[in-house]
Amino acid sequence: VLLHFSLYLIERKGFLEMIGDLGRIF
């Protein structure tokens, strides 16, 4: 899961994009 989360951050290019994704329930 940690690897999965790290790859997600790489794909989204950082925490700012991730924060924008928090409106999505999944």
PDB file of all heavy atoms in Angstrom:
ATOM      1  N   VAL A   1       0.839  -1.209   0.000  1.00  0.00           N
ATOM      2  CA  VAL A   1       0.000   0.000   0.000  1.00  0.00           C
ATOM      3  C   VAL A   1       0.873   1.258   0.000  1.00  0.00           C
ATOM      4  O   VAL A   1       0.573   2.239  -0.689  1.00  0.00           O
ATOM      5  CB  VAL A   1      -0.962   0.002   1.213  1.00  0.00           C
ATOM      6  CG1 VAL A   1      -1.635   1.363   1.384  1.00  0.00           C
ATOM      7  CG2 VAL A   1      -2.020  -1.071   1.038  1.00  0.00           C
ATOM      8  N   LEU A   2       1.967   1.240   0.766  1.00  0.00           N
ATOM      9  CA  LEU A   2       2.885   2.375   0.784  1.00  0.00           C
ATOM     10  C   LEU A   2       3.491   2.598  -0.600  1.00  0.00           C
ATOM     11  O   LEU A   2       3.605   3.744  -1.066  1.00  0.00           O
ATOM     12  CB  LEU A   2       3.993   2.120   1.813  1.00  0.00           C
ATOM     13  CG  LEU A   2       5.036   3.233   1.981  1.00  0.00           C
ATOM     14  CD1 LEU A   2       4.385   4.538   2.429  1.00  0.00           C
ATOM     15  CD2 LEU A   2       6.106   2.805   2.977  1.00  0.00           C
ATOM     16  N   LEU A   3       3.859   1.517  -1.263  1.00  0.00           N
ATOM     17  CA  LEU A   3       4.387   1.619  -2.630  1.00  0.00           C
ATOM     18  C   LEU A   3       3.309   2.152  -3.574  1.00  0.00           C
ATOM     19  O   LEU A   3       3.580   3.008  -4.426  1.00  0.00           O
ATOM     20  CB  LEU A   3       4.888   0.244  -3.085  1.00  0.00           C
ATOM     21  CG  LEU A   3       5.529   0.166  -4.472  1.00  0.00           C
ATOM     22  CD1 LEU A   3       6.696   1.143  -4.593  1.00  0.00           C
ATOM     23  CD2 LEU A   3       6.006  -1.261  -4.751  1.00  0.00           C
ATOM     24  N   HIS A   4       2.082   1.652  -3.407  1.00  0.00           N
ATOM     25  CA  HIS A   4       0.940   2.104  -4.206  1.00  0.00           C
ATOM     26  C   HIS A   4       0.727   3.614  -4.023  1.00  0.00           C
ATOM     27  O   HIS A   4       0.550   4.359  -5.001  1.00  0.00           O
ATOM     28  CB  HIS A   4      -0.302   1.325  -3.749  1.00  0.00           C
ATOM     29  CG  HIS A   4      -1.557   1.650  -4.495  1.00  0.00           C
ATOM     30  ND1 HIS A   4      -1.764   1.300  -5.810  1.00  0.00           N
ATOM     31  CD2 HIS A   4      -2.688   2.290  -4.090  1.00  0.00           C
ATOM     32  CE1 HIS A   4      -2.968   1.695  -6.188  1.00  0.00           C
ATOM     33  NE2 HIS A   4      -3.545   2.309  -5.160  1.00  0.00           N
ATOM     34  N   PHE A   5       0.767   4.074  -2.765  1.00  0.00           N
ATOM     35  CA  PHE A   5       0.582   5.494  -2.470  1.00  0.00           C
ATOM     36  C   PHE A   5       1.722   6.330  -3.057  1.00  0.00           C
ATOM     37  O   PHE A   5       1.497   7.421  -3.615  1.00  0.00           O
ATOM     38  CB  PHE A   5       0.508   5.694  -0.947  1.00  0.00           C
ATOM     39  CG  PHE A   5       0.380   7.119  -0.515  1.00  0.00           C
ATOM     40  CD1 PHE A   5      -0.779   7.844  -0.776  1.00  0.00           C
ATOM     41  CD2 PHE A   5       1.424   7.746   0.168  1.00  0.00           C
ATOM     42  CE1 PHE A   5      -0.894   9.168  -0.368  1.00  0.00           C
ATOM     43  CE2 PHE A   5       1.303   9.067   0.577  1.00  0.00           C
ATOM     44  CZ  PHE A   5       0.151   9.781   0.301  1.00  0.00           C
ATOM     45  N   SER A   6       2.956   5.842  -2.958  1.00  0.00           N
ATOM     46  CA  SER A   6       4.114   6.561  -3.499  1.00  0.00           C
ATOM     47  C   SER A   6       4.003   6.705  -5.015  1.00  0.00           C
ATOM     48  O   SER A   6       4.301   7.779  -5.576  1.00  0.00           O
ATOM     49  CB  SER A   6       5.413   5.832  -3.131  1.00  0.00           C
ATOM     50  OG  SER A   6       5.538   5.702  -1.727  1.00  0.00           O
ATOM     51  N   LEU A   7       3.578   5.636  -5.680  1.00  0.00           N
ATOM     52  CA  LEU A   7       3.405   5.681  -7.135  1.00  0.00           C
ATOM     53  C   LEU A   7       2.279   6.642  -7.525  1.00  0.00           C
ATOM     54  O   LEU A   7       2.364   7.326  -8.555  1.00  0.00           O
ATOM     55  CB  LEU A   7       3.109   4.278  -7.663  1.00  0.00           C
ATOM     56  CG  LEU A   7       4.290   3.305  -7.609  1.00  0.00           C
ATOM     57  CD1 LEU A   7       3.805   1.862  -7.747  1.00  0.00           C
ATOM     58  CD2 LEU A   7       5.298   3.629  -8.711  1.00  0.00           C
ATOM     59  N   TYR A   8       1.252   6.681  -6.696  1.00  0.00           N
ATOM     60  CA  TYR A   8       0.154   7.631  -6.936  1.00  0.00           C
ATOM     61  C   TYR A   8       0.671   9.062  -6.866  1.00  0.00           C
ATOM     62  O   TYR A   8       0.312   9.903  -7.712  1.00  0.00           O
ATOM     63  CB  TYR A   8      -0.954   7.393  -5.905  1.00  0.00           C
ATOM     64  CG  TYR A   8      -1.951   8.521  -5.782  1.00  0.00           C
ATOM     65  CD1 TYR A   8      -2.871   8.786  -6.811  1.00  0.00           C
ATOM     66  CD2 TYR A   8      -1.967   9.332  -4.656  1.00  0.00           C
ATOM     67  CE1 TYR A   8      -3.773   9.825  -6.697  1.00  0.00           C
ATOM     68  CE2 TYR A   8      -2.864  10.371  -4.536  1.00  0.00           C
ATOM     69  CZ  TYR A   8      -3.762  10.612  -5.555  1.00  0.00           C
ATOM     70  OH  TYR A   8      -4.658  11.646  -5.440  1.00  0.00           O
ATOM     71  N   LEU A   9       1.521   9.374  -5.877  1.00  0.00           N
ATOM     72  CA  LEU A   9       2.096  10.714  -5.763  1.00  0.00           C
ATOM     73  C   LEU A   9       2.970  11.045  -6.974  1.00  0.00           C
ATOM     74  O   LEU A   9       2.970  12.181  -7.463  1.00  0.00           O
ATOM     75  CB  LEU A   9       2.927  10.834  -4.485  1.00  0.00           C
ATOM     76  CG  LEU A   9       2.160  10.904  -3.165  1.00  0.00           C
ATOM     77  CD1 LEU A   9       3.143  10.986  -1.997  1.00  0.00           C
ATOM     78  CD2 LEU A   9       1.217  12.104  -3.134  1.00  0.00           C
ATOM     79  N   ILE A  10       3.714  10.033  -7.449  1.00  0.00           N
ATOM     80  CA  ILE A  10       4.557  10.242  -8.642  1.00  0.00           C
ATOM     81  C   ILE A  10       3.686  10.541  -9.849  1.00  0.00           C
ATOM     82  O   ILE A  10       3.956  11.469 -10.628  1.00  0.00           O
ATOM     83  CB  ILE A  10       5.448   9.012  -8.895  1.00  0.00           C
ATOM     84  CG1 ILE A  10       6.488   8.868  -7.784  1.00  0.00           C
ATOM     85  CG2 ILE A  10       6.132   9.114 -10.259  1.00  0.00           C
ATOM     86  CD1 ILE A  10       7.246   7.561  -7.812  1.00  0.00           C
ATOM     87  N   GLU A  11       2.617   9.755 -10.000  1.00  0.00           N
ATOM     88  CA  GLU A  11       1.729   9.946 -11.152  1.00  0.00           C
ATOM     89  C   GLU A  11       1.031  11.313 -11.089  1.00  0.00           C
ATOM     90  O   GLU A  11       0.878  11.982 -12.106  1.00  0.00           O
ATOM     91  CB  GLU A  11       0.677   8.842 -11.215  1.00  0.00           C
ATOM     92  CG  GLU A  11      -0.105   8.878 -12.515  1.00  0.00           C
ATOM     93  CD  GLU A  11      -1.335   7.977 -12.485  1.00  0.00           C
ATOM     94  OE1 GLU A  11      -2.027   7.933 -11.468  1.00  0.00           O
ATOM     95  OE2 GLU A  11      -1.599   7.349 -13.525  1.00  0.00           O
ATOM     96  N   ARG A  12       0.640  11.722  -9.888  1.00  0.00           N
ATOM     97  CA  ARG A  12      -0.067  13.004  -9.727  1.00  0.00           C
ATOM     98  C   ARG A  12       0.892  14.179  -9.588  1.00  0.00           C
ATOM     99  O   ARG A  12       0.472  15.317  -9.471  1.00  0.00           O
ATOM    100  CB  ARG A  12      -0.991  12.947  -8.500  1.00  0.00           C
ATOM    101  CG  ARG A  12      -2.043  11.874  -8.565  1.00  0.00           C
ATOM    102  CD  ARG A  12      -2.918  11.992  -9.790  1.00  0.00           C
ATOM    103  NE  ARG A  12      -3.776  13.167  -9.736  1.00  0.00           N
ATOM    104  CZ  ARG A  12      -4.311  13.747 -10.794  1.00  0.00           C
ATOM    105  NH1 ARG A  12      -4.044  13.284 -12.002  1.00  0.00           N
ATOM    106  NH2 ARG A  12      -5.106  14.797 -10.656  1.00  0.00           N
ATOM    107  N   LYS A  13       2.188  13.882  -9.576  1.00  0.00           N
ATOM    108  CA  LYS A  13       3.244  14.908  -9.530  1.00  0.00           C
ATOM    109  C   LYS A  13       3.208  15.761  -8.262  1.00  0.00           C
ATOM    110  O   LYS A  13       3.388  16.970  -8.300  1.00  0.00           O
ATOM    111  CB  LYS A  13       3.172  15.799 -10.772  1.00  0.00           C
ATOM    112  CG  LYS A  13       3.407  15.036 -12.070  1.00  0.00           C
ATOM    113  CD  LYS A  13       3.324  15.949 -13.264  1.00  0.00           C
ATOM    114  CE  LYS A  13       3.697  15.212 -14.540  1.00  0.00           C
ATOM    115  NZ  LYS A  13       2.793  14.100 -14.853  1.00  0.00           N
ATOM    116  N   GLY A  14       2.952  15.083  -7.118  1.00  0.00           N
ATOM    117  CA  GLY A  14       3.097  15.772  -5.845  1.00  0.00           C
ATOM    118  C   GLY A  14       1.832  15.902  -5.021  1.00  0.00           C
ATOM    119  O   GLY A  14       0.752  15.472  -5.419  1.00  0.00           O
ATOM    120  N   PHE A  15       1.999  16.520  -3.846  1.00  0.00           N
ATOM    121  CA  PHE A  15       0.923  16.614  -2.860  1.00  0.00           C
ATOM    122  C   PHE A  15      -0.187  17.575  -3.281  1.00  0.00           C
ATOM    123  O   PHE A  15      -1.345  17.396  -2.909  1.00  0.00           O
ATOM    124  CB  PHE A  15       1.488  17.044  -1.504  1.00  0.00           C
ATOM    125  CG  PHE A  15       2.154  15.937  -0.760  1.00  0.00           C
ATOM    126  CD1 PHE A  15       3.532  15.799  -0.798  1.00  0.00           C
ATOM    127  CD2 PHE A  15       1.416  15.019  -0.025  1.00  0.00           C
ATOM    128  CE1 PHE A  15       4.162  14.770  -0.110  1.00  0.00           C
ATOM    129  CE2 PHE A  15       2.038  13.994   0.665  1.00  0.00           C
ATOM    130  CZ  PHE A  15       3.413  13.864   0.616  1.00  0.00           C
ATOM    131  N   LEU A  16       0.143  18.636  -4.040  1.00  0.00           N
ATOM    132  CA  LEU A  16      -0.885  19.608  -4.421  1.00  0.00           C
ATOM    133  C   LEU A  16      -1.960  18.967  -5.290  1.00  0.00           C
ATOM    134  O   LEU A  16      -3.159  19.205  -5.102  1.00  0.00           O
ATOM    135  CB  LEU A  16      -0.240  20.800  -5.144  1.00  0.00           C
ATOM    136  CG  LEU A  16       0.622  21.729  -4.273  1.00  0.00           C
ATOM    137  CD1 LEU A  16       1.250  22.829  -5.105  1.00  0.00           C
ATOM    138  CD2 LEU A  16      -0.223  22.330  -3.142  1.00  0.00           C
ATOM    139  N   GLU A  17      -1.523  18.151  -6.252  1.00  0.00           N
ATOM    140  CA  GLU A  17      -2.484  17.430  -7.096  1.00  0.00           C
ATOM    141  C   GLU A  17      -3.298  16.455  -6.260  1.00  0.00           C
ATOM    142  O   GLU A  17      -4.492  16.256  -6.481  1.00  0.00           O
ATOM    143  CB  GLU A  17      -1.745  16.676  -8.205  1.00  0.00           C
ATOM    144  CG  GLU A  17      -1.120  17.569  -9.261  1.00  0.00           C
ATOM    145  CD  GLU A  17      -2.152  18.208 -10.167  1.00  0.00           C
ATOM    146  OE1 GLU A  17      -3.267  17.701 -10.243  1.00  0.00           O
ATOM    147  OE2 GLU A  17      -1.822  19.246 -10.782  1.00  0.00           O
ATOM    148  N   MET A  18      -2.640  15.819  -5.272  1.00  0.00           N
ATOM    149  CA  MET A  18      -3.328  14.876  -4.406  1.00  0.00           C
ATOM    150  C   MET A  18      -4.439  15.567  -3.608  1.00  0.00           C
ATOM    151  O   MET A  18      -5.543  15.050  -3.470  1.00  0.00           O
ATOM    152  CB  MET A  18      -2.340  14.225  -3.439  1.00  0.00           C
ATOM    153  CG  MET A  18      -2.959  13.185  -2.524  1.00  0.00           C
ATOM    154  SD  MET A  18      -1.890  12.765  -1.133  1.00  0.00           S
ATOM    155  CE  MET A  18      -2.166  14.193  -0.077  1.00  0.00           C
ATOM    156  N   ILE A  19      -4.143  16.764  -3.101  1.00  0.00           N
ATOM    157  CA  ILE A  19      -5.145  17.525  -2.346  1.00  0.00           C
ATOM    158  C   ILE A  19      -6.349  17.829  -3.222  1.00  0.00           C
ATOM    159  O   ILE A  19      -7.502  17.765  -2.779  1.00  0.00           O
ATOM    160  CB  ILE A  19      -4.521  18.826  -1.778  1.00  0.00           C
ATOM    161  CG1 ILE A  19      -3.493  18.462  -0.697  1.00  0.00           C
ATOM    162  CG2 ILE A  19      -5.598  19.748  -1.200  1.00  0.00           C
ATOM    163  CD1 ILE A  19      -2.638  19.617  -0.253  1.00  0.00           C
ATOM    164  N   GLY A  20      -6.090  18.121  -4.478  1.00  0.00           N
ATOM    165  CA  GLY A  20      -7.193  18.365  -5.418  1.00  0.00           C
ATOM    166  C   GLY A  20      -8.045  17.135  -5.664  1.00  0.00           C
ATOM    167  O   GLY A  20      -9.232  17.244  -5.997  1.00  0.00           O
ATOM    168  N   ASP A  21      -7.447  15.954  -5.466  1.00  0.00           N
ATOM    169  CA  ASP A  21      -8.179  14.699  -5.687  1.00  0.00           C
ATOM    170  C   ASP A  21      -9.061  14.301  -4.503  1.00  0.00           C
ATOM    171  O   ASP A  21      -9.853  13.363  -4.610  1.00  0.00           O
ATOM    172  CB  ASP A  21      -7.186  13.542  -5.940  1.00  0.00           C
ATOM    173  CG  ASP A  21      -6.628  13.587  -7.353  1.00  0.00           C
ATOM    174  OD1 ASP A  21      -7.212  14.278  -8.206  1.00  0.00           O
ATOM    175  OD2 ASP A  21      -5.610  12.916  -7.601  1.00  0.00           O
ATOM    176  N   LEU A  22      -8.908  14.980  -3.376  1.00  0.00           N
ATOM    177  CA  LEU A  22      -9.614  14.556  -2.160  1.00  0.00           C
ATOM    178  C   LEU A  22     -11.132  14.732  -2.256  1.00  0.00           C
ATOM    179  O   LEU A  22     -11.862  14.222  -1.413  1.00  0.00           O
ATOM    180  CB  LEU A  22      -9.064  15.307  -0.938  1.00  0.00           C
ATOM    181  CG  LEU A  22      -7.634  14.944  -0.535  1.00  0.00           C
ATOM    182  CD1 LEU A  22      -7.177  15.759   0.662  1.00  0.00           C
ATOM    183  CD2 LEU A  22      -7.510  13.447  -0.232  1.00  0.00           C
ATOM    184  N   GLY A  23     -11.581  15.453  -3.270  1.00  0.00           N
ATOM    185  CA  GLY A  23     -13.019  15.570  -3.483  1.00  0.00           C
ATOM    186  C   GLY A  23     -13.630  14.326  -4.105  1.00  0.00           C
ATOM    187  O   GLY A  23     -14.863  14.207  -4.183  1.00  0.00           O
ATOM    188  N   ARG A  24     -12.779  13.383  -4.507  1.00  0.00           N
ATOM    189  CA  ARG A  24     -13.269  12.134  -5.118  1.00  0.00           C
ATOM    190  C   ARG A  24     -13.364  11.067  -4.027  1.00  0.00           C
ATOM    191  O   ARG A  24     -12.400  10.800  -3.313  1.00  0.00           O
ATOM    192  CB  ARG A  24     -12.316  11.702  -6.234  1.00  0.00           C
ATOM    193  CG  ARG A  24     -12.144  12.778  -7.290  1.00  0.00           C
ATOM    194  CD  ARG A  24     -10.906  12.557  -8.127  1.00  0.00           C
ATOM    195  NE  ARG A  24     -11.113  11.577  -9.170  1.00  0.00           N
ATOM    196  CZ  ARG A  24     -10.156  11.169 -10.010  1.00  0.00           C
ATOM    197  NH1 ARG A  24      -8.922  11.647  -9.884  1.00  0.00           N
ATOM    198  NH2 ARG A  24     -10.410  10.285 -10.928  1.00  0.00           N
ATOM    199  N   ILE A  25     -14.540  10.471  -3.921  1.00  0.00           N
ATOM    200  CA  ILE A  25     -14.827   9.560  -2.804  1.00  0.00           C
ATOM    201  C   ILE A  25     -13.867   8.370  -2.788  1.00  0.00           C
ATOM    202  O   ILE A  25     -13.381   7.962  -1.721  1.00  0.00           O
ATOM    203  CB  ILE A  25     -16.278   9.056  -2.854  1.00  0.00           C
ATOM    204  CG1 ILE A  25     -17.247  10.243  -2.795  1.00  0.00           C
ATOM    205  CG2 ILE A  25     -16.560   8.100  -1.693  1.00  0.00           C
ATOM    206  CD1 ILE A  25     -17.156  11.060  -1.531  1.00  0.00           C
ATOM    207  N   PHE A  26     -13.552   7.816  -3.951  1.00  0.00           N
ATOM    208  CA  PHE A  26     -12.696   6.620  -3.960  1.00  0.00           C
ATOM    209  C   PHE A  26     -11.280   6.947  -3.483  1.00  0.00           C
ATOM    210  O   PHE A  26     -10.617   6.110  -2.864  1.00  0.00           O
ATOM    211  CB  PHE A  26     -12.708   5.952  -5.349  1.00  0.00           C
ATOM    212  CG  PHE A  26     -11.675   6.435  -6.321  1.00  0.00           C
ATOM    213  CD1 PHE A  26     -10.457   5.789  -6.428  1.00  0.00           C
ATOM    214  CD2 PHE A  26     -11.934   7.527  -7.141  1.00  0.00           C
ATOM    215  CE1 PHE A  26      -9.497   6.220  -7.337  1.00  0.00           C
ATOM    216  CE2 PHE A  26     -10.987   7.964  -8.052  1.00  0.00           C
ATOM    217  CZ  PHE A  26      -9.764   7.307  -8.150  1.00  0.00           C
TER     218      PHE A  26
END
